[in-house]
Amino acid sequence: MPKVKLTVVKSNCRGRYCKEGDEYIIEDLCPPICHELWNAAYPYVYTLLNGGTLDYGNKRAAMFDIKCPDEGRVIIHGEIINNS
């Protein structure tokens, strides 16, 4: 079953929810991050969990980078992983 790994690449989180280097493995439930960041990331996570790919630079890939809607204070990288 596919899973999505979210990695916090940069963090200046006001709520101190995310710290640089934090990682979350997503199967079906939302991770312990703020709802604003989760709402921004969820459509990408859903796409990857359902076998889709996303625009990533000049190519299509099973990964994404997204900034927090709060002035880009947090940047996360998401990628599909296959852990059995």
PDB file of N, CA and C in Angstrom:
ATOM      1  N   MET A   1       0.838  -1.182   0.000  1.00  0.00           N
ATOM      2  CA  MET A   1       0.000   0.000   0.000  1.00  0.00           C
ATOM      3  C   MET A   1       0.882   1.243   0.000  1.00  0.00           C
ATOM      4  N   PRO A   2       0.602   2.195  -0.872  1.00  0.00           N
ATOM      5  CA  PRO A   2       1.425   3.415  -0.911  1.00  0.00           C
ATOM      6  C   PRO A   2       1.205   4.293   0.319  1.00  0.00           C
ATOM      7  N   LYS A   3       2.246   5.003   0.645  1.00  0.00           N
ATOM      8  CA  LYS A   3       2.202   5.967   1.743  1.00  0.00           C
ATOM      9  C   LYS A   3       2.888   7.231   1.248  1.00  0.00           C
ATOM     10  N   VAL A   4       2.586   8.332   1.881  1.00  0.00           N
ATOM     11  CA  VAL A   4       3.244   9.596   1.548  1.00  0.00           C
ATOM     12  C   VAL A   4       4.052  10.041   2.759  1.00  0.00           C
ATOM     13  N   LYS A   5       5.307  10.357   2.504  1.00  0.00           N
ATOM     14  CA  LYS A   5       6.164  10.892   3.562  1.00  0.00           C
ATOM     15  C   LYS A   5       6.240  12.400   3.392  1.00  0.00           C
ATOM     16  N   LEU A   6       5.917  13.119   4.457  1.00  0.00           N
ATOM     17  CA  LEU A   6       6.059  14.575   4.492  1.00  0.00           C
ATOM     18  C   LEU A   6       7.282  14.911   5.327  1.00  0.00           C
ATOM     19  N   THR A   7       8.148  15.760   4.791  1.00  0.00           N
ATOM     20  CA  THR A   7       9.347  16.196   5.503  1.00  0.00           C
ATOM     21  C   THR A   7       9.325  17.716   5.590  1.00  0.00           C
ATOM     22  N   VAL A   8       9.504  18.244   6.788  1.00  0.00           N
ATOM     23  CA  VAL A   8       9.578  19.690   6.982  1.00  0.00           C
ATOM     24  C   VAL A   8      10.978  20.134   6.578  1.00  0.00           C
ATOM     25  N   VAL A   9      11.040  20.905   5.487  1.00  0.00           N
ATOM     26  CA  VAL A   9      12.313  21.356   4.927  1.00  0.00           C
ATOM     27  C   VAL A   9      12.770  22.657   5.574  1.00  0.00           C
ATOM     28  N   LYS A  10      11.818  23.529   5.878  1.00  0.00           N
ATOM     29  CA  LYS A  10      12.107  24.828   6.499  1.00  0.00           C
ATOM     30  C   LYS A  10      10.980  25.126   7.470  1.00  0.00           C
ATOM     31  N   SER A  11      11.301  25.724   8.607  1.00  0.00           N
ATOM     32  CA  SER A  11      10.235  26.059   9.545  1.00  0.00           C
ATOM     33  C   SER A  11      10.533  27.319  10.331  1.00  0.00           C
ATOM     34  N   ASN A  12       9.553  28.209  10.304  1.00  0.00           N
ATOM     35  CA  ASN A  12       9.508  29.381  11.160  1.00  0.00           C
ATOM     36  C   ASN A  12       8.060  29.477  11.638  1.00  0.00           C
ATOM     37  N   CYS A  13       7.543  28.335  12.092  1.00  0.00           N
ATOM     38  CA  CYS A  13       6.132  28.171  12.443  1.00  0.00           C
ATOM     39  C   CYS A  13       5.764  28.996  13.673  1.00  0.00           C
ATOM     40  N   ARG A  14       4.744  29.828  13.516  1.00  0.00           N
ATOM     41  CA  ARG A  14       4.276  30.638  14.653  1.00  0.00           C
ATOM     42  C   ARG A  14       3.753  29.778  15.784  1.00  0.00           C
ATOM     43  N   GLY A  15       3.037  28.704  15.429  1.00  0.00           N
ATOM     44  CA  GLY A  15       2.445  27.834  16.445  1.00  0.00           C
ATOM     45  C   GLY A  15       3.394  26.774  16.968  1.00  0.00           C
ATOM     46  N   ARG A  16       4.593  26.731  16.420  1.00  0.00           N
ATOM     47  CA  ARG A  16       5.620  25.757  16.813  1.00  0.00           C
ATOM     48  C   ARG A  16       5.164  24.309  16.607  1.00  0.00           C
ATOM     49  N   TYR A  17       4.264  24.107  15.641  1.00  0.00           N
ATOM     50  CA  TYR A  17       3.822  22.747  15.325  1.00  0.00           C
ATOM     51  C   TYR A  17       4.904  21.999  14.563  1.00  0.00           C
ATOM     52  N   CYS A  18       5.555  22.663  13.634  1.00  0.00           N
ATOM     53  CA  CYS A  18       6.516  22.015  12.740  1.00  0.00           C
ATOM     54  C   CYS A  18       7.927  22.486  13.048  1.00  0.00           C
ATOM     55  N   LYS A  19       8.828  21.518  13.073  1.00  0.00           N
ATOM     56  CA  LYS A  19      10.243  21.837  13.244  1.00  0.00           C
ATOM     57  C   LYS A  19      10.997  21.261  12.057  1.00  0.00           C
ATOM     58  N   GLU A  20      12.006  21.964  11.608  1.00  0.00           N
ATOM     59  CA  GLU A  20      12.810  21.503  10.482  1.00  0.00           C
ATOM     60  C   GLU A  20      13.295  20.082  10.747  1.00  0.00           C
ATOM     61  N   GLY A  21      13.102  19.212   9.755  1.00  0.00           N
ATOM     62  CA  GLY A  21      13.511  17.816   9.878  1.00  0.00           C
ATOM     63  C   GLY A  21      12.409  16.882  10.328  1.00  0.00           C
ATOM     64  N   ASP A  22      11.293  17.415  10.830  1.00  0.00           N
ATOM     65  CA  ASP A  22      10.168  16.555  11.209  1.00  0.00           C
ATOM     66  C   ASP A  22       9.709  15.752  10.001  1.00  0.00           C
ATOM     67  N   GLU A  23       9.345  14.501  10.219  1.00  0.00           N
ATOM     68  CA  GLU A  23       8.829  13.648   9.152  1.00  0.00           C
ATOM     69  C   GLU A  23       7.536  12.993   9.616  1.00  0.00           C
ATOM     70  N   TYR A  24       6.613  12.857   8.685  1.00  0.00           N
ATOM     71  CA  TYR A  24       5.326  12.223   8.959  1.00  0.00           C
ATOM     72  C   TYR A  24       5.023  11.248   7.831  1.00  0.00           C
ATOM     73  N   ILE A  25       4.592  10.046   8.185  1.00  0.00           N
ATOM     74  CA  ILE A  25       4.172   9.062   7.196  1.00  0.00           C
ATOM     75  C   ILE A  25       2.649   9.051   7.186  1.00  0.00           C
ATOM     76  N   ILE A  26       2.079   9.314   5.998  1.00  0.00           N
ATOM     77  CA  ILE A  26       0.629   9.425   5.855  1.00  0.00           C
ATOM     78  C   ILE A  26       0.098   8.205   5.124  1.00  0.00           C
ATOM     79  N   GLU A  27      -0.885   7.544   5.750  1.00  0.00           N
ATOM     80  CA  GLU A  27      -1.600   6.458   5.092  1.00  0.00           C
ATOM     81  C   GLU A  27      -3.040   6.873   4.832  1.00  0.00           C
ATOM     82  N   ASP A  28      -3.704   7.339   5.869  1.00  0.00           N
ATOM     83  CA  ASP A  28      -5.092   7.743   5.687  1.00  0.00           C
ATOM     84  C   ASP A  28      -5.544   8.840   6.644  1.00  0.00           C
ATOM     85  N   LEU A  29      -4.831   9.081   7.708  1.00  0.00           N
ATOM     86  CA  LEU A  29      -5.212  10.107   8.679  1.00  0.00           C
ATOM     87  C   LEU A  29      -4.277  11.301   8.581  1.00  0.00           C
ATOM     88  N   CYS A  30      -4.774  12.464   8.952  1.00  0.00           N
ATOM     89  CA  CYS A  30      -3.924  13.648   8.880  1.00  0.00           C
ATOM     90  C   CYS A  30      -2.871  13.612   9.984  1.00  0.00           C
ATOM     91  N   PRO A  31      -1.696  14.146   9.699  1.00  0.00           N
ATOM     92  CA  PRO A  31      -0.604  14.169  10.678  1.00  0.00           C
ATOM     93  C   PRO A  31      -0.826  15.291  11.687  1.00  0.00           C
ATOM     94  N   PRO A  32      -0.040  15.319  12.751  1.00  0.00           N
ATOM     95  CA  PRO A  32      -0.189  16.365  13.768  1.00  0.00           C
ATOM     96  C   PRO A  32       0.466  17.683  13.337  1.00  0.00           C
ATOM     97  N   ILE A  33      -0.081  18.283  12.281  1.00  0.00           N
ATOM     98  CA  ILE A  33       0.363  19.599  11.829  1.00  0.00           C
ATOM     99  C   ILE A  33      -0.843  20.524  11.869  1.00  0.00           C
ATOM    100  N   CYS A  34      -0.624  21.816  11.764  1.00  0.00           N
ATOM    101  CA  CYS A  34      -1.728  22.758  11.837  1.00  0.00           C
ATOM    102  C   CYS A  34      -2.694  22.548  10.663  1.00  0.00           C
ATOM    103  N   HIS A  35      -3.932  22.917  10.867  1.00  0.00           N
ATOM    104  CA  HIS A  35      -4.936  22.642   9.836  1.00  0.00           C
ATOM    105  C   HIS A  35      -4.736  23.489   8.582  1.00  0.00           C
ATOM    106  N   GLU A  36      -4.141  24.669   8.690  1.00  0.00           N
ATOM    107  CA  GLU A  36      -3.900  25.471   7.496  1.00  0.00           C
ATOM    108  C   GLU A  36      -2.912  24.779   6.559  1.00  0.00           C
ATOM    109  N   LEU A  37      -1.828  24.261   7.127  1.00  0.00           N
ATOM    110  CA  LEU A  37      -0.834  23.562   6.313  1.00  0.00           C
ATOM    111  C   LEU A  37      -1.418  22.261   5.767  1.00  0.00           C
ATOM    112  N   TRP A  38      -2.162  21.530   6.589  1.00  0.00           N
ATOM    113  CA  TRP A  38      -2.776  20.283   6.126  1.00  0.00           C
ATOM    114  C   TRP A  38      -3.774  20.551   5.001  1.00  0.00           C
ATOM    115  N   ASN A  39      -4.573  21.594   5.132  1.00  0.00           N
ATOM    116  CA  ASN A  39      -5.539  21.928   4.067  1.00  0.00           C
ATOM    117  C   ASN A  39      -4.833  22.242   2.751  1.00  0.00           C
ATOM    118  N   ALA A  40      -3.660  22.852   2.808  1.00  0.00           N
ATOM    119  CA  ALA A  40      -2.902  23.153   1.590  1.00  0.00           C
ATOM    120  C   ALA A  40      -2.281  21.889   1.005  1.00  0.00           C
ATOM    121  N   ALA A  41      -1.808  20.986   1.852  1.00  0.00           N
ATOM    122  CA  ALA A  41      -1.094  19.784   1.388  1.00  0.00           C
ATOM    123  C   ALA A  41      -2.033  18.650   1.001  1.00  0.00           C
ATOM    124  N   TYR A  42      -3.207  18.577   1.612  1.00  0.00           N
ATOM    125  CA  TYR A  42      -4.088  17.417   1.433  1.00  0.00           C
ATOM    126  C   TYR A  42      -4.401  17.066  -0.021  1.00  0.00           C
ATOM    127  N   PRO A  43      -4.732  18.014  -0.901  1.00  0.00           N
ATOM    128  CA  PRO A  43      -5.026  17.611  -2.286  1.00  0.00           C
ATOM    129  C   PRO A  43      -3.852  16.900  -2.959  1.00  0.00           C
ATOM    130  N   TYR A  44      -2.636  17.299  -2.646  1.00  0.00           N
ATOM    131  CA  TYR A  44      -1.451  16.659  -3.207  1.00  0.00           C
ATOM    132  C   TYR A  44      -1.252  15.261  -2.615  1.00  0.00           C
ATOM    133  N   VAL A  45      -1.423  15.161  -1.297  1.00  0.00           N
ATOM    134  CA  VAL A  45      -1.303  13.863  -0.625  1.00  0.00           C
ATOM    135  C   VAL A  45      -2.348  12.895  -1.185  1.00  0.00           C
ATOM    136  N   TYR A  46      -3.576  13.352  -1.312  1.00  0.00           N
ATOM    137  CA  TYR A  46      -4.663  12.519  -1.844  1.00  0.00           C
ATOM    138  C   TYR A  46      -4.327  12.023  -3.249  1.00  0.00           C
ATOM    139  N   THR A  47      -3.814  12.916  -4.088  1.00  0.00           N
ATOM    140  CA  THR A  47      -3.434  12.533  -5.455  1.00  0.00           C
ATOM    141  C   THR A  47      -2.396  11.423  -5.440  1.00  0.00           C
ATOM    142  N   LEU A  48      -1.358  11.583  -4.620  1.00  0.00           N
ATOM    143  CA  LEU A  48      -0.296  10.575  -4.571  1.00  0.00           C
ATOM    144  C   LEU A  48      -0.793   9.254  -4.003  1.00  0.00           C
ATOM    145  N   LEU A  49      -1.610   9.301  -2.953  1.00  0.00           N
ATOM    146  CA  LEU A  49      -2.130   8.064  -2.368  1.00  0.00           C
ATOM    147  C   LEU A  49      -3.021   7.288  -3.338  1.00  0.00           C
ATOM    148  N   ASN A  50      -3.554   7.984  -4.324  1.00  0.00           N
ATOM    149  CA  ASN A  50      -4.435   7.341  -5.298  1.00  0.00           C
ATOM    150  C   ASN A  50      -3.758   7.112  -6.652  1.00  0.00           C
ATOM    151  N   GLY A  51      -2.433   7.062  -6.657  1.00  0.00           N
ATOM    152  CA  GLY A  51      -1.680   6.683  -7.843  1.00  0.00           C
ATOM    153  C   GLY A  51      -1.389   7.780  -8.841  1.00  0.00           C
ATOM    154  N   GLY A  52      -1.710   9.020  -8.518  1.00  0.00           N
ATOM    155  CA  GLY A  52      -1.478  10.127  -9.447  1.00  0.00           C
ATOM    156  C   GLY A  52      -0.074  10.683  -9.366  1.00  0.00           C
ATOM    157  N   THR A  53       0.243  11.546 -10.314  1.00  0.00           N
ATOM    158  CA  THR A  53       1.499  12.293 -10.303  1.00  0.00           C
ATOM    159  C   THR A  53       1.172  13.781 -10.365  1.00  0.00           C
ATOM    160  N   LEU A  54       2.151  14.582 -10.065  1.00  0.00           N
ATOM    161  CA  LEU A  54       1.965  16.029  -9.993  1.00  0.00           C
ATOM    162  C   LEU A  54       3.045  16.736 -10.800  1.00  0.00           C
ATOM    163  N   ASP A  55       2.766  17.973 -11.208  1.00  0.00           N
ATOM    164  CA  ASP A  55       3.799  18.787 -11.834  1.00  0.00           C
ATOM    165  C   ASP A  55       4.887  19.039 -10.795  1.00  0.00           C
ATOM    166  N   TYR A  56       6.128  18.758 -11.177  1.00  0.00           N
ATOM    167  CA  TYR A  56       7.257  18.987 -10.287  1.00  0.00           C
ATOM    168  C   TYR A  56       8.389  19.518 -11.140  1.00  0.00           C
ATOM    169  N   GLY A  57       8.532  20.826 -11.170  1.00  0.00           N
ATOM    170  CA  GLY A  57       9.490  21.448 -12.079  1.00  0.00           C
ATOM    171  C   GLY A  57       9.025  21.262 -13.508  1.00  0.00           C
ATOM    172  N   ASN A  58       9.883  20.719 -14.335  1.00  0.00           N
ATOM    173  CA  ASN A  58       9.558  20.502 -15.741  1.00  0.00           C
ATOM    174  C   ASN A  58       9.081  19.086 -16.029  1.00  0.00           C
ATOM    175  N   LYS A  59       8.702  18.343 -15.005  1.00  0.00           N
ATOM    176  CA  LYS A  59       8.295  16.954 -15.214  1.00  0.00           C
ATOM    177  C   LYS A  59       7.104  16.607 -14.328  1.00  0.00           C
ATOM    178  N   ARG A  60       6.578  15.417 -14.507  1.00  0.00           N
ATOM    179  CA  ARG A  60       5.528  14.869 -13.644  1.00  0.00           C
ATOM    180  C   ARG A  60       6.224  13.893 -12.697  1.00  0.00           C
ATOM    181  N   ALA A  61       5.877  13.941 -11.424  1.00  0.00           N
ATOM    182  CA  ALA A  61       6.528  13.075 -10.449  1.00  0.00           C
ATOM    183  C   ALA A  61       5.579  12.772  -9.300  1.00  0.00           C
ATOM    184  N   ALA A  62       5.925  11.768  -8.527  1.00  0.00           N
ATOM    185  CA  ALA A  62       5.148  11.391  -7.353  1.00  0.00           C
ATOM    186  C   ALA A  62       5.712  12.109  -6.133  1.00  0.00           C
ATOM    187  N   MET A  63       5.809  13.448  -6.227  1.00  0.00           N
ATOM    188  CA  MET A  63       6.313  14.269  -5.131  1.00  0.00           C
ATOM    189  C   MET A  63       5.857  15.712  -5.316  1.00  0.00           C
ATOM    190  N   PHE A  64       5.973  16.483  -4.252  1.00  0.00           N
ATOM    191  CA  PHE A  64       5.594  17.895  -4.302  1.00  0.00           C
ATOM    192  C   PHE A  64       6.316  18.669  -3.209  1.00  0.00           C
ATOM    193  N   ASP A  65       6.374  19.967  -3.376  1.00  0.00           N
ATOM    194  CA  ASP A  65       6.849  20.897  -2.357  1.00  0.00           C
ATOM    195  C   ASP A  65       5.750  21.935  -2.185  1.00  0.00           C
ATOM    196  N   ILE A  66       5.480  22.302  -0.949  1.00  0.00           N
ATOM    197  CA  ILE A  66       4.422  23.282  -0.705  1.00  0.00           C
ATOM    198  C   ILE A  66       4.809  24.175   0.473  1.00  0.00           C
ATOM    199  N   LYS A  67       4.386  25.426   0.377  1.00  0.00           N
ATOM    200  CA  LYS A  67       4.635  26.392   1.444  1.00  0.00           C
ATOM    201  C   LYS A  67       3.358  26.596   2.247  1.00  0.00           C
ATOM    202  N   CYS A  68       3.535  26.841   3.509  1.00  0.00           N
ATOM    203  CA  CYS A  68       2.429  27.155   4.404  1.00  0.00           C
ATOM    204  C   CYS A  68       1.722  28.422   3.921  1.00  0.00           C
ATOM    205  N   PRO A  69       0.398  28.454   4.009  1.00  0.00           N
ATOM    206  CA  PRO A  69      -0.318  29.654   3.596  1.00  0.00           C
ATOM    207  C   PRO A  69      -0.024  30.873   4.487  1.00  0.00           C
ATOM    208  N   ASP A  70       0.577  30.655   5.644  1.00  0.00           N
ATOM    209  CA  ASP A  70       0.927  31.749   6.548  1.00  0.00           C
ATOM    210  C   ASP A  70       2.293  32.311   6.143  1.00  0.00           C
ATOM    211  N   GLU A  71       2.310  33.037   5.023  1.00  0.00           N
ATOM    212  CA  GLU A  71       3.501  33.707   4.513  1.00  0.00           C
ATOM    213  C   GLU A  71       4.663  32.749   4.225  1.00  0.00           C
ATOM    214  N   GLY A  72       4.365  31.497   3.937  1.00  0.00           N
ATOM    215  CA  GLY A  72       5.411  30.538   3.591  1.00  0.00           C
ATOM    216  C   GLY A  72       6.360  30.216   4.731  1.00  0.00           C
ATOM    217  N   ARG A  73       5.869  30.330   5.951  1.00  0.00           N
ATOM    218  CA  ARG A  73       6.725  30.114   7.122  1.00  0.00           C
ATOM    219  C   ARG A  73       7.227  28.683   7.249  1.00  0.00           C
ATOM    220  N   VAL A  74       6.492  27.739   6.671  1.00  0.00           N
ATOM    221  CA  VAL A  74       6.883  26.329   6.706  1.00  0.00           C
ATOM    222  C   VAL A  74       6.875  25.817   5.275  1.00  0.00           C
ATOM    223  N   ILE A  75       7.895  25.042   4.917  1.00  0.00           N
ATOM    224  CA  ILE A  75       7.942  24.389   3.610  1.00  0.00           C
ATOM    225  C   ILE A  75       8.047  22.896   3.853  1.00  0.00           C
ATOM    226  N   ILE A  76       7.169  22.145   3.199  1.00  0.00           N
ATOM    227  CA  ILE A  76       7.242  20.695   3.319  1.00  0.00           C
ATOM    228  C   ILE A  76       7.456  20.067   1.947  1.00  0.00           C
ATOM    229  N   HIS A  77       8.132  18.940   1.971  1.00  0.00           N
ATOM    230  CA  HIS A  77       8.332  18.118   0.775  1.00  0.00           C
ATOM    231  C   HIS A  77       7.550  16.838   0.998  1.00  0.00           C
ATOM    232  N   GLY A  78       6.725  16.476   0.024  1.00  0.00           N
ATOM    233  CA  GLY A  78       5.974  15.241   0.094  1.00  0.00           C
ATOM    234  C   GLY A  78       6.394  14.314  -1.025  1.00  0.00           C
ATOM    235  N   GLU A  79       6.463  13.026  -0.716  1.00  0.00           N
ATOM    236  CA  GLU A  79       6.832  12.036  -1.731  1.00  0.00           C
ATOM    237  C   GLU A  79       6.187  10.704  -1.405  1.00  0.00           C
ATOM    238  N   ILE A  80       5.903   9.956  -2.459  1.00  0.00           N
ATOM    239  CA  ILE A  80       5.305   8.652  -2.302  1.00  0.00           C
ATOM    240  C   ILE A  80       6.395   7.672  -1.860  1.00  0.00           C
ATOM    241  N   ILE A  81       6.047   6.814  -0.938  1.00  0.00           N
ATOM    242  CA  ILE A  81       6.959   5.738  -0.534  1.00  0.00           C
ATOM    243  C   ILE A  81       6.140   4.458  -0.523  1.00  0.00           C
ATOM    244  N   ASN A  82       6.795   3.364  -0.704  1.00  0.00           N
ATOM    245  CA  ASN A  82       6.120   2.067  -0.673  1.00  0.00           C
ATOM    246  C   ASN A  82       6.754   1.226   0.420  1.00  0.00           C
ATOM    247  N   ASN A  83       6.151   1.263   1.596  1.00  0.00           N
ATOM    248  CA  ASN A  83       6.589   0.419   2.703  1.00  0.00           C
ATOM    249  C   ASN A  83       5.621  -0.742   2.806  1.00  0.00           C
ATOM    250  N   SER A  84       6.141  -1.920   2.837  1.00  0.00           N
ATOM    251  CA  SER A  84       5.279  -3.091   2.975  1.00  0.00           C
ATOM    252  C   SER A  84       5.069  -3.425   4.417  1.00  0.00           C
TER     253      SER A  84
END
